[in-house]
Protein backbone atom coordinates (compact mmCIF):
# COMPACT_ATOMS: atom_id res chain seq x y z
CA UNK A 1 -12.79 14.70 -12.04
CA UNK A 2 -15.53 13.44 -9.27
CA UNK A 3 -18.53 14.93 -8.81
CA UNK A 4 -21.66 14.21 -6.01
CA UNK A 5 -23.92 16.64 -8.34
CA UNK A 6 -25.37 13.96 -11.43
CA UNK A 7 -24.25 16.12 -14.00
CA UNK A 8 -20.74 18.41 -14.48
CA UNK A 9 -21.06 21.43 -16.15
CA UNK A 10 -19.63 21.92 -19.50
CA UNK A 11 -19.99 18.27 -20.16
CA UNK A 12 -21.91 15.98 -21.15
CA UNK A 13 -21.98 12.22 -20.42
CA UNK A 14 -20.93 10.25 -23.29
CA UNK A 15 -21.03 7.06 -22.18
CA UNK A 16 -22.35 5.11 -18.21
CA UNK A 17 -19.82 2.55 -17.55
CA UNK A 18 -22.12 1.60 -14.27
CA UNK A 19 -21.58 1.64 -9.80
CA UNK A 20 -17.68 2.26 -8.58
CA UNK A 21 -17.21 1.53 -5.23
CA UNK A 22 -13.99 1.59 -2.31
CA UNK A 23 -14.45 0.35 0.71
CA UNK A 24 -12.51 0.14 4.04
CA UNK A 25 -13.08 -1.90 6.79
CA UNK A 26 -11.27 0.19 10.22
CA UNK A 27 -11.03 -0.68 13.62
CA UNK A 28 -9.98 1.28 16.41
CA UNK A 29 -6.43 0.50 18.32
CA UNK A 30 -7.02 -0.13 22.19
CA UNK A 31 -4.52 3.06 22.33
CA UNK A 32 -6.91 5.31 20.09
CA UNK A 33 -9.60 4.30 22.15
CA UNK A 34 -7.76 5.09 25.34
CA UNK A 35 -6.86 8.48 24.04
CA UNK A 36 -9.70 9.02 22.46
CA UNK A 37 -11.96 8.67 25.72
CA UNK A 38 -9.62 10.87 27.23
CA UNK A 39 -10.28 13.68 24.71
CA UNK A 40 -14.34 13.01 24.98
CA UNK A 41 -13.99 13.80 28.60
CA UNK A 42 -13.33 17.27 28.65
CA UNK A 43 -15.21 18.25 25.01
CA UNK A 44 -13.82 19.66 21.75
CA UNK A 45 -12.64 17.72 18.23
CA UNK A 46 -11.26 14.26 19.06
CA UNK A 47 -8.54 14.53 16.61
CA UNK A 48 -7.20 11.01 16.71
CA UNK A 49 -10.96 9.64 15.69
CA UNK A 50 -10.48 12.68 13.13
CA UNK A 51 -7.81 11.35 11.53
CA UNK A 52 -9.09 7.84 11.56
CA UNK A 53 -12.10 9.38 9.36
CA UNK A 54 -10.45 11.61 6.82
CA UNK A 55 -7.88 8.77 6.61
CA UNK A 56 -9.96 6.42 5.85
CA UNK A 57 -12.32 7.88 3.77
CA UNK A 58 -9.11 9.40 1.61
CA UNK A 59 -8.28 5.27 1.06
CA UNK A 60 -11.82 4.62 -0.10
CA UNK A 61 -12.11 7.24 -2.41
CA UNK A 62 -8.95 6.43 -3.86
CA UNK A 63 -10.27 3.10 -4.54
CA UNK A 64 -13.35 3.96 -5.70
CA UNK A 65 -11.23 5.97 -8.14
CA UNK A 66 -8.77 3.54 -9.73
CA UNK A 67 -12.21 1.26 -10.36
CA UNK A 68 -13.51 3.96 -12.46
CA UNK A 69 -9.65 4.53 -14.03
CA UNK A 70 -9.17 0.19 -14.45
CA UNK A 71 -13.52 0.56 -16.30
CA UNK A 72 -11.83 3.04 -19.22
CA UNK A 73 -14.21 6.43 -17.47
CA UNK A 74 -12.82 10.15 -17.09
CA UNK A 75 -15.35 11.13 -14.46
CA UNK A 76 -17.57 10.15 -11.44
CA UNK A 77 -20.84 11.64 -11.05
CA UNK A 78 -23.30 11.04 -8.18
CA UNK A 79 -20.28 10.52 -5.74
CA UNK A 80 -21.73 9.39 -1.80
CA UNK A 81 -19.95 8.02 1.39
CA UNK A 82 -21.65 6.14 3.60
CA UNK A 83 -20.65 4.61 6.78
CA UNK A 84 -21.76 1.04 9.11
CA UNK A 85 -21.28 -0.04 12.66
CA UNK A 86 -20.81 -3.46 12.15
CA UNK A 87 -20.05 -4.24 15.38
CA UNK A 88 -18.43 -1.79 18.23
CA UNK A 89 -15.26 -0.46 17.22
CA UNK A 90 -15.47 -1.75 14.07
CA UNK A 91 -16.42 0.67 10.58
CA UNK A 92 -16.74 0.06 7.53
CA UNK A 93 -16.90 3.39 5.38
CA UNK A 94 -18.18 3.08 1.24
CA UNK A 95 -17.64 5.65 -0.96
CA UNK A 96 -19.57 5.02 -4.64
CA UNK A 97 -20.57 7.11 -7.86
CA UNK A 98 -21.05 6.31 -11.40
CA UNK A 99 -18.43 6.09 -13.84
CA UNK A 100 -18.78 7.73 -16.79
CA UNK A 101 -17.04 9.24 -20.05
CA UNK A 102 -18.12 13.01 -20.57
CA UNK A 103 -17.12 15.24 -23.24
CA UNK A 104 -16.57 18.73 -23.29
CA UNK A 105 -20.08 20.12 -23.98
């Protein structure tokens, strides 16, 4: 179970295992930049970038979950995403939260 809240309704935290995270650094390809540039001329959703962002977030999410499982957690609370442009065309995406052990209340 993963939530952005600091608690899970119907459960109580019995142990906090600390911060867990997934981190990915991505770059856009030349082809992706070209297609994205063409789309930006016409406006609207630039699907090539949307797809890249969704894939990157999914990857960081799975990395965070894997780290939590390795610690013995059965839930993550306070989950957040953060993204930083390291340099033009290169971005870091971070997914993090607090790994916890919960049991039904």
